[in-house]
Amino acid sequence: MVLNYIWIAFFLIAFLFGAIQLAMGNTTVFQQIVDSTFDSSKNAFEISLGLTGVLALWLGIMRIGEQAGVVNVLARLLSPVFSKLFPDIPKNHPVMGSIFMNIASNMLGLDNAATPTGLKAMAQMQELNAQKDTATNPMIMFLVLNTSGLTVIPTTILAFRASYGAASPTDVFIPILLATTVATLAGIIITSLWQRINIFQPVLMATLLGLCGVVGIVIWGFGQMDKDTMGTVTSVASNLILFGIITLFILAGFRKRINVYDAFIDGAKEGFTTAVRIIPYLVAILVGVGVFRASGAMDMLINGIAWCVNACGLNSDFVGALPTALMKPLSGSGARGLMLEAMKNYGPDSFVGRLSCIFQGSTDTTFYILAVYFGSISVKYTRHAVACGLLADLAGVVAAIFIAYLFF
């Protein structure tokens, strides 16, 4: 229901701002808005088409892992922690393993593995859902963990900074890690309060503190490396872990004497079906975002924020990077384009250029994730998912601004 109102608002705001610009003499504004609907719908289909092969691959691998018992082993190991964070999921349920695979993939920046395992987790949680059209508490908690975007290794951002000639491409690594950790912790706390989950349970508190400890160790470890070493380590570690998971699942299946090829084909068929099912949801959300941006509403919003900040006598250096922050919940590719635009216009080593990179790495694409994940299981009523996801995003944005001022 919330997505329904937001989607309607995109079009109404686009029409209003388009009419204002038309009155001011911009006779091409509605042509731009209409063109954006076609471009966005085409982009949505291309994204779904691109996901088809990846979904088929990883859901095939996950099926091997399920039949080989690897996912069940992960579920049992993680049950003491996840049973506190997801109390409505039965103990030792296989979905715990899928949730772990998704979170681990996100943390390592393995996007190709994160989306398929996330969709698998949603499908398994839907099996436990008594009201198939309504999001459950575990689904919402899981999605907030995704939208808060905890990424330990922001490989893509570092690569873009290097390509734009940054003196030290990795100088945003620690700020990104700090900002995304704040966003994730805020998302967990906000959602737990909303769902009345006691975050002070010893196991849960120990896990959250352990997460902070791991992030601290990673920060310290990478802080000892030069940029070339860091780039090599992140690339090798990511690819080694990714291929190691595939090999582990296949060997476990061979050990269990299952037909790993047939299991893979069975899971891959599910991946193709899922990719087709999410196309309408992607078209809807990307077209809404496209008309909002094409109407000039985004630019006017940024100018309004800049005016308010200046009127209050505050430092407005961060405003130039805000387009990336505001676009990130709506569109990952749009936010990436705005980040690159900021580095091009202001310079990769400028305050705005660096802050845009921190914004890009601090959170994830909330509306895209909600559309794809809920769309894959035909959930219409998202309850408090949007509110919790956006509040986590806000925490990440605020943290990114403070951290950028602290570091740069």
Protein backbone atom coordinates (compact mmCIF):
# COMPACT_ATOMS: atom_id res chain seq x y z
CA MET A 1 0.00 0.00 0.00
CA VAL A 2 2.85 2.42 0.81
CA LEU A 3 4.50 1.72 -2.55
CA ASN A 4 1.13 2.45 -4.19
CA TYR A 5 1.01 5.97 -2.72
CA ILE A 6 4.68 6.62 -3.48
CA TRP A 7 4.22 5.50 -7.09
CA ILE A 8 1.21 7.79 -7.53
CA ALA A 9 3.17 10.65 -5.93
CA PHE A 10 5.99 10.24 -8.48
CA PHE A 11 3.57 10.87 -11.35
CA LEU A 12 1.63 13.68 -9.70
CA ILE A 13 4.83 15.51 -8.72
CA ALA A 14 6.24 14.97 -12.22
CA PHE A 15 3.10 16.44 -13.79
CA LEU A 16 3.11 19.41 -11.40
CA PHE A 17 6.77 20.26 -11.96
CA GLY A 18 6.40 19.67 -15.67
CA ALA A 19 3.50 22.14 -15.79
CA ILE A 20 5.57 24.70 -13.88
CA GLN A 21 8.46 24.36 -16.31
CA LEU A 22 6.09 24.55 -19.28
CA ALA A 23 4.68 27.81 -17.89
CA MET A 24 8.26 29.09 -17.59
CA GLY A 25 8.87 28.42 -21.29
CA ASN A 26 10.36 24.91 -21.32
CA THR A 27 8.30 23.44 -24.16
CA THR A 28 10.21 20.13 -24.25
CA VAL A 29 9.72 19.10 -20.62
CA PHE A 30 6.78 16.75 -21.24
CA GLN A 31 8.61 15.24 -24.21
CA GLN A 32 11.48 14.47 -21.83
CA ILE A 33 9.09 12.96 -19.28
CA VAL A 34 7.41 10.76 -21.88
CA ASP A 35 10.78 9.69 -23.28
CA SER A 36 11.86 8.72 -19.76
CA THR A 37 8.90 6.32 -19.46
CA PHE A 38 10.03 4.42 -22.56
CA ASP A 39 13.71 4.49 -21.54
CA SER A 40 12.94 3.34 -18.00
CA SER A 41 10.67 0.50 -19.10
CA LYS A 42 13.33 -0.66 -21.55
CA ASN A 43 15.95 -0.44 -18.80
CA ALA A 44 13.75 -2.48 -16.45
CA PHE A 45 13.42 -5.26 -19.02
CA GLU A 46 17.17 -5.23 -19.71
CA ILE A 47 17.89 -5.49 -15.98
CA SER A 48 15.52 -8.46 -15.68
CA LEU A 49 17.08 -10.04 -18.76
CA GLY A 50 20.53 -9.54 -17.27
CA LEU A 51 19.39 -11.13 -14.02
CA THR A 52 18.07 -14.24 -15.77
CA GLY A 53 21.43 -15.93 -16.22
CA VAL A 54 22.70 -14.94 -12.78
CA LEU A 55 19.49 -16.11 -11.10
CA ALA A 56 19.59 -19.41 -12.99
CA LEU A 57 23.23 -19.95 -11.98
CA TRP A 58 22.90 -19.16 -8.29
CA LEU A 59 19.52 -20.76 -7.68
CA GLY A 60 20.91 -23.85 -9.36
CA ILE A 61 23.92 -23.79 -7.02
CA MET A 62 21.62 -23.18 -4.03
CA ARG A 63 19.52 -26.21 -5.01
CA ILE A 64 22.67 -28.34 -4.95
CA GLY A 65 23.52 -26.90 -1.51
CA GLU A 66 20.04 -27.71 -0.21
CA GLN A 67 20.09 -31.30 -1.42
CA ALA A 68 23.67 -31.76 -0.19
CA GLY A 69 22.68 -30.50 3.28
CA VAL A 70 25.07 -27.51 3.32
CA VAL A 71 22.24 -24.98 3.72
CA ASN A 72 20.78 -26.98 6.61
CA VAL A 73 24.17 -27.03 8.35
CA LEU A 74 24.40 -23.24 8.01
CA ALA A 75 20.85 -22.93 9.35
CA ARG A 76 21.70 -24.95 12.48
CA LEU A 77 24.91 -23.00 13.10
CA LEU A 78 23.17 -19.63 12.79
CA SER A 79 19.96 -20.57 14.56
CA PRO A 80 21.00 -19.22 18.02
CA VAL A 81 21.48 -15.73 16.55
CA PHE A 82 18.91 -15.60 13.79
CA SER A 83 16.19 -17.09 15.99
CA LYS A 84 16.46 -13.91 18.10
CA LEU A 85 16.52 -11.55 15.12
CA PHE A 86 13.84 -13.52 13.22
CA PRO A 87 11.73 -14.99 16.06
CA ASP A 88 8.82 -15.94 13.77
CA ILE A 89 10.96 -18.35 11.71
CA PRO A 90 11.07 -21.93 13.11
CA LYS A 91 14.38 -22.99 14.61
CA ASN A 92 16.83 -24.63 12.16
CA HIS A 93 14.63 -23.75 9.15
CA PRO A 94 16.62 -23.85 5.85
CA VAL A 95 15.82 -20.18 5.19
CA MET A 96 18.41 -19.29 7.85
CA GLY A 97 21.13 -20.61 5.55
CA SER A 98 19.79 -18.62 2.60
CA ILE A 99 19.66 -15.45 4.71
CA PHE A 100 23.27 -15.96 5.76
CA MET A 101 24.38 -16.52 2.16
CA ASN A 102 22.67 -13.29 1.13
CA ILE A 103 24.10 -11.17 3.96
CA ALA A 104 27.60 -12.60 3.47
CA SER A 105 27.43 -11.92 -0.27
CA ASN A 106 26.37 -8.31 0.34
CA MET A 107 29.14 -7.75 2.87
CA LEU A 108 31.74 -9.00 0.39
CA GLY A 109 30.31 -6.93 -2.47
CA LEU A 110 29.30 -10.08 -4.38
CA ASP A 111 26.16 -8.61 -5.99
CA ASN A 112 25.86 -11.48 -8.47
CA ALA A 113 25.34 -13.89 -5.58
CA ALA A 114 23.40 -11.60 -3.23
CA THR A 115 20.26 -11.06 -5.32
CA PRO A 116 19.61 -14.74 -6.18
CA THR A 117 20.18 -15.90 -2.60
CA GLY A 118 17.99 -13.05 -1.35
CA LEU A 119 15.15 -14.05 -3.67
CA LYS A 120 15.57 -17.65 -2.52
CA ALA A 121 15.27 -16.54 1.11
CA MET A 122 12.11 -14.56 0.31
CA ALA A 123 10.55 -17.57 -1.41
CA GLN A 124 11.29 -19.75 1.63
CA MET A 125 9.83 -17.18 4.01
CA GLN A 126 6.74 -16.94 1.80
CA GLU A 127 6.17 -20.66 2.41
CA LEU A 128 5.77 -19.82 6.12
CA ASN A 129 3.49 -16.86 5.42
CA ALA A 130 -0.20 -17.37 6.28
CA GLN A 131 -1.23 -14.17 4.43
CA LYS A 132 0.48 -14.49 1.05
CA ASP A 133 -0.16 -10.89 -0.03
CA THR A 134 1.19 -9.31 3.19
CA ALA A 135 4.81 -8.96 4.30
CA THR A 136 5.79 -10.78 7.50
CA ASN A 137 8.09 -9.43 10.23
CA PRO A 138 11.03 -11.65 9.16
CA MET A 139 10.66 -10.49 5.54
CA ILE A 140 10.80 -6.85 6.63
CA MET A 141 13.81 -7.38 8.90
CA PHE A 142 15.58 -9.21 6.08
CA LEU A 143 14.84 -6.46 3.56
CA VAL A 144 16.03 -3.73 5.94
CA LEU A 145 19.31 -5.62 6.32
CA ASN A 146 19.57 -5.52 2.53
CA THR A 147 18.52 -1.90 2.04
CA SER A 148 20.94 -0.67 4.72
CA GLY A 149 23.63 -2.03 2.41
CA LEU A 150 26.40 -3.30 4.72
CA THR A 151 29.34 -3.78 2.35
CA VAL A 152 32.79 -4.51 3.74
CA ILE A 153 34.55 -4.34 0.37
CA PRO A 154 33.19 -1.55 -1.93
CA THR A 155 35.23 -2.79 -4.89
CA THR A 156 33.26 -0.98 -7.63
CA ILE A 157 33.47 2.44 -5.99
CA LEU A 158 37.22 2.13 -5.47
CA ALA A 159 37.64 1.09 -9.11
CA PHE A 160 35.66 4.12 -10.34
CA ARG A 161 37.76 6.46 -8.19
CA ALA A 162 40.93 4.99 -9.65
CA SER A 163 39.60 5.38 -13.22
CA TYR A 164 38.84 9.06 -12.54
CA GLY A 165 42.42 9.68 -11.43
CA ALA A 166 41.97 10.00 -7.65
CA ALA A 167 45.31 10.50 -5.90
CA SER A 168 44.33 7.86 -3.35
CA PRO A 169 41.29 5.86 -4.59
CA THR A 170 41.02 3.97 -1.31
CA ASP A 171 40.82 7.03 0.96
CA VAL A 172 37.01 6.65 1.13
CA PHE A 173 37.20 3.00 2.18
CA ILE A 174 37.11 3.56 5.95
CA PRO A 175 34.45 6.34 5.77
CA ILE A 176 32.22 4.09 3.63
CA LEU A 177 32.65 1.19 6.05
CA LEU A 178 31.79 3.40 9.03
CA ALA A 179 28.73 4.93 7.34
CA THR A 180 27.32 1.62 6.09
CA THR A 181 27.83 0.07 9.55
CA VAL A 182 25.85 2.92 11.13
CA ALA A 183 23.06 2.43 8.56
CA THR A 184 22.89 -1.31 9.22
CA LEU A 185 22.90 -0.98 13.02
CA ALA A 186 20.24 1.75 12.78
CA GLY A 187 18.12 -0.46 10.53
CA ILE A 188 18.34 -3.39 12.95
CA ILE A 189 17.51 -1.20 15.97
CA ILE A 190 14.61 0.63 14.26
CA THR A 191 13.05 -2.57 12.92
CA SER A 192 13.54 -4.37 16.24
CA LEU A 193 11.77 -1.55 18.09
CA TRP A 194 8.94 -1.60 15.55
CA GLN A 195 8.57 -5.38 15.85
CA ARG A 196 9.14 -5.34 19.64
CA ILE A 197 12.26 -7.50 19.46
CA ASN A 198 14.49 -7.24 22.53
CA ILE A 199 17.87 -6.21 21.13
CA PHE A 200 19.45 -6.50 24.61
CA GLN A 201 19.31 -10.29 24.53
CA PRO A 202 22.85 -11.53 25.29
CA VAL A 203 23.26 -13.50 22.06
CA LEU A 204 21.95 -10.67 19.90
CA MET A 205 24.03 -8.03 21.66
CA ALA A 206 27.15 -10.18 21.38
CA THR A 207 26.50 -10.58 17.64
CA LEU A 208 26.08 -6.85 17.06
CA LEU A 209 29.21 -6.09 19.07
CA GLY A 210 31.02 -8.85 17.18
CA LEU A 211 29.94 -7.25 13.90
CA CYS A 212 31.41 -3.95 15.05
CA GLY A 213 34.58 -5.81 16.05
CA VAL A 214 34.90 -7.46 12.63
CA VAL A 215 34.42 -4.11 10.91
CA GLY A 216 37.08 -2.63 13.18
CA ILE A 217 39.55 -5.40 12.31
CA VAL A 218 38.87 -4.94 8.60
CA ILE A 219 39.42 -1.20 8.93
CA TRP A 220 42.70 -1.78 10.77
CA GLY A 221 43.88 -4.44 8.33
CA PHE A 222 43.18 -2.45 5.19
CA GLY A 223 44.63 0.62 6.84
CA GLN A 224 48.03 -1.14 6.81
CA MET A 225 47.94 -1.65 3.02
CA ASP A 226 48.78 0.65 0.13
CA LYS A 227 46.17 1.20 -2.59
CA ASP A 228 47.62 -1.40 -4.99
CA THR A 229 47.78 -4.09 -2.31
CA MET A 230 44.25 -3.29 -1.16
CA GLY A 231 42.91 -3.55 -4.70
CA THR A 232 44.62 -6.90 -5.21
CA VAL A 233 43.46 -8.32 -1.88
CA THR A 234 39.84 -7.28 -2.38
CA SER A 235 39.70 -8.66 -5.91
CA VAL A 236 41.38 -11.98 -5.08
CA ALA A 237 39.42 -12.49 -1.86
CA SER A 238 36.05 -11.78 -3.46
CA ASN A 239 36.59 -14.06 -6.44
CA LEU A 240 38.19 -16.81 -4.35
CA ILE A 241 35.28 -16.84 -1.89
CA LEU A 242 32.72 -16.80 -4.71
CA PHE A 243 34.24 -19.73 -6.59
CA GLY A 244 35.02 -21.50 -3.30
CA ILE A 245 31.30 -21.51 -2.42
CA ILE A 246 30.40 -23.02 -5.80
CA THR A 247 33.07 -25.72 -5.47
CA LEU A 248 32.09 -26.50 -1.85
CA PHE A 249 28.44 -27.03 -2.79
CA ILE A 250 29.32 -29.27 -5.73
CA LEU A 251 31.76 -31.38 -3.66
CA ALA A 252 29.19 -31.68 -0.86
CA GLY A 253 26.63 -32.88 -3.42
CA PHE A 254 29.12 -35.42 -4.81
CA ARG A 255 29.83 -36.65 -1.29
CA LYS A 256 26.10 -37.08 -0.66
CA ARG A 257 25.88 -38.98 -3.96
CA ILE A 258 23.20 -36.74 -5.43
CA ASN A 259 22.96 -35.97 -9.13
CA VAL A 260 24.44 -32.46 -8.95
CA TYR A 261 23.76 -31.74 -12.62
CA ASP A 262 20.04 -32.53 -12.35
CA ALA A 263 19.81 -30.59 -9.08
CA PHE A 264 21.42 -27.58 -10.74
CA ILE A 265 19.03 -27.72 -13.72
CA ASP A 266 16.05 -27.96 -11.38
CA GLY A 267 17.12 -24.85 -9.47
CA ALA A 268 18.06 -22.96 -12.64
CA LYS A 269 14.53 -23.38 -13.99
CA GLU A 270 13.26 -21.60 -10.88
CA GLY A 271 15.71 -18.75 -11.57
CA PHE A 272 14.30 -18.20 -15.06
CA THR A 273 10.73 -18.13 -13.73
CA THR A 274 11.67 -15.64 -11.02
CA ALA A 275 13.36 -13.31 -13.51
CA VAL A 276 10.21 -13.19 -15.64
CA ARG A 277 7.96 -12.65 -12.61
CA ILE A 278 9.76 -9.52 -11.41
CA ILE A 279 9.62 -7.66 -14.77
CA PRO A 280 6.28 -5.83 -14.10
CA TYR A 281 7.45 -4.69 -10.66
CA LEU A 282 10.74 -3.37 -12.03
CA VAL A 283 8.98 -1.54 -14.87
CA ALA A 284 6.62 0.12 -12.38
CA ILE A 285 9.26 1.41 -9.95
CA LEU A 286 11.83 2.48 -12.59
CA VAL A 287 9.26 4.34 -14.70
CA GLY A 288 8.06 6.18 -11.57
CA VAL A 289 11.63 7.17 -10.69
CA GLY A 290 12.32 8.14 -14.30
CA VAL A 291 9.43 10.61 -14.63
CA PHE A 292 10.26 12.10 -11.21
CA ARG A 293 13.81 12.83 -12.30
CA ALA A 294 12.95 13.95 -15.86
CA SER A 295 10.42 16.49 -14.58
CA GLY A 296 13.15 18.44 -12.80
CA ALA A 297 11.69 17.68 -9.36
CA MET A 298 15.00 16.25 -8.15
CA ASP A 299 16.92 19.40 -9.14
CA MET A 300 14.37 21.67 -7.48
CA LEU A 301 14.51 19.57 -4.32
CA ILE A 302 18.31 19.91 -4.17
CA ASN A 303 18.12 23.67 -4.74
CA GLY A 304 15.52 23.96 -1.98
CA ILE A 305 17.74 22.08 0.48
CA ALA A 306 20.70 24.29 -0.44
CA TRP A 307 18.64 27.44 0.17
CA CYS A 308 17.47 26.17 3.59
CA VAL A 309 21.01 25.22 4.66
CA ASN A 310 22.39 28.59 3.63
CA ALA A 311 19.48 30.39 5.30
CA CYS A 312 20.37 28.65 8.56
CA GLY A 313 23.97 29.81 8.25
CA LEU A 314 25.33 26.25 8.03
CA ASN A 315 28.14 24.90 5.90
CA SER A 316 26.58 23.82 2.59
CA ASP A 317 29.58 22.05 1.06
CA PHE A 318 27.76 18.71 1.31
CA VAL A 319 24.77 19.84 -0.80
CA GLY A 320 26.60 19.23 -4.08
CA ALA A 321 26.78 15.51 -3.25
CA LEU A 322 23.14 15.20 -2.13
CA PRO A 323 21.80 14.13 -5.56
CA THR A 324 23.65 10.84 -5.12
CA ALA A 325 22.18 10.35 -1.65
CA LEU A 326 18.62 11.16 -2.76
CA MET A 327 18.83 9.00 -5.87
CA LYS A 328 20.37 5.94 -4.14
CA PRO A 329 17.11 4.65 -2.56
CA LEU A 330 15.39 5.02 -5.94
CA SER A 331 17.91 3.77 -8.49
CA GLY A 332 21.36 2.23 -8.14
CA SER A 333 22.39 3.04 -11.71
CA GLY A 334 21.05 6.59 -11.36
CA ALA A 335 23.00 7.13 -8.13
CA ARG A 336 26.12 5.69 -9.73
CA GLY A 337 25.75 8.10 -12.64
CA LEU A 338 25.37 11.04 -10.26
CA MET A 339 28.42 9.91 -8.28
CA LEU A 340 30.50 9.80 -11.47
CA GLU A 341 29.09 13.17 -12.51
CA ALA A 342 30.13 14.67 -9.15
CA MET A 343 33.68 13.32 -9.51
CA LYS A 344 33.85 14.67 -13.07
CA ASN A 345 32.52 18.15 -12.23
CA TYR A 346 34.13 18.68 -8.81
CA GLY A 347 37.08 16.29 -9.04
CA PRO A 348 37.54 12.84 -7.44
CA ASP A 349 39.59 14.31 -4.58
CA SER A 350 37.18 17.16 -3.84
CA PHE A 351 34.95 17.10 -0.78
CA VAL A 352 31.84 16.64 -2.96
CA GLY A 353 33.50 13.91 -5.04
CA ARG A 354 34.51 11.94 -1.97
CA LEU A 355 31.19 12.45 -0.19
CA SER A 356 29.30 11.23 -3.28
CA CYS A 357 31.33 8.01 -3.12
CA ILE A 358 30.55 7.61 0.59
CA PHE A 359 26.83 8.14 -0.11
CA GLN A 360 26.98 5.53 -2.87
CA GLY A 361 28.54 2.97 -0.54
CA SER A 362 26.67 3.73 2.68
CA THR A 363 23.20 2.38 1.74
CA ASP A 364 21.46 0.39 -0.97
CA THR A 365 18.60 0.88 -3.45
CA THR A 366 15.63 0.64 -1.09
CA PHE A 367 12.76 0.91 -3.58
CA TYR A 368 14.47 -1.31 -6.14
CA ILE A 369 15.05 -4.01 -3.53
CA LEU A 370 11.48 -3.77 -2.24
CA ALA A 371 10.08 -3.97 -5.77
CA VAL A 372 12.21 -6.95 -6.79
CA TYR A 373 12.05 -8.95 -3.56
CA PHE A 374 8.37 -8.43 -2.78
CA GLY A 375 7.48 -8.68 -6.47
CA SER A 376 9.15 -12.09 -6.73
CA ILE A 377 6.64 -13.50 -4.23
CA SER A 378 3.66 -11.27 -5.15
CA VAL A 379 3.46 -9.44 -1.81
CA LYS A 380 1.29 -6.31 -2.11
CA TYR A 381 1.10 -5.00 1.46
CA THR A 382 4.60 -4.11 2.64
CA ARG A 383 3.56 -2.78 6.10
CA HIS A 384 6.48 -0.93 7.76
CA ALA A 385 9.18 -2.10 5.33
CA VAL A 386 9.43 1.23 3.46
CA ALA A 387 9.51 3.32 6.66
CA CYS A 388 12.21 1.20 8.31
CA GLY A 389 14.28 1.02 5.13
CA LEU A 390 14.17 4.77 4.54
CA LEU A 391 15.00 5.53 8.19
CA ALA A 392 18.05 3.28 7.91
CA ASP A 393 18.98 5.14 4.71
CA LEU A 394 18.59 8.47 6.50
CA ALA A 395 20.88 7.28 9.29
CA GLY A 396 23.47 6.27 6.69
CA VAL A 397 23.24 9.63 4.90
CA VAL A 398 23.58 11.66 8.11
CA ALA A 399 26.48 9.47 9.25
CA ALA A 400 28.16 9.86 5.84
CA ILE A 401 27.99 13.67 6.07
CA PHE A 402 29.47 13.78 9.58
CA ILE A 403 32.17 11.24 8.73
CA ALA A 404 33.11 13.11 5.54
CA TYR A 405 33.57 16.35 7.49
CA LEU A 406 35.61 14.43 10.07
CA PHE A 407 37.94 12.79 7.52
CA PHE A 408 38.15 15.36 4.72
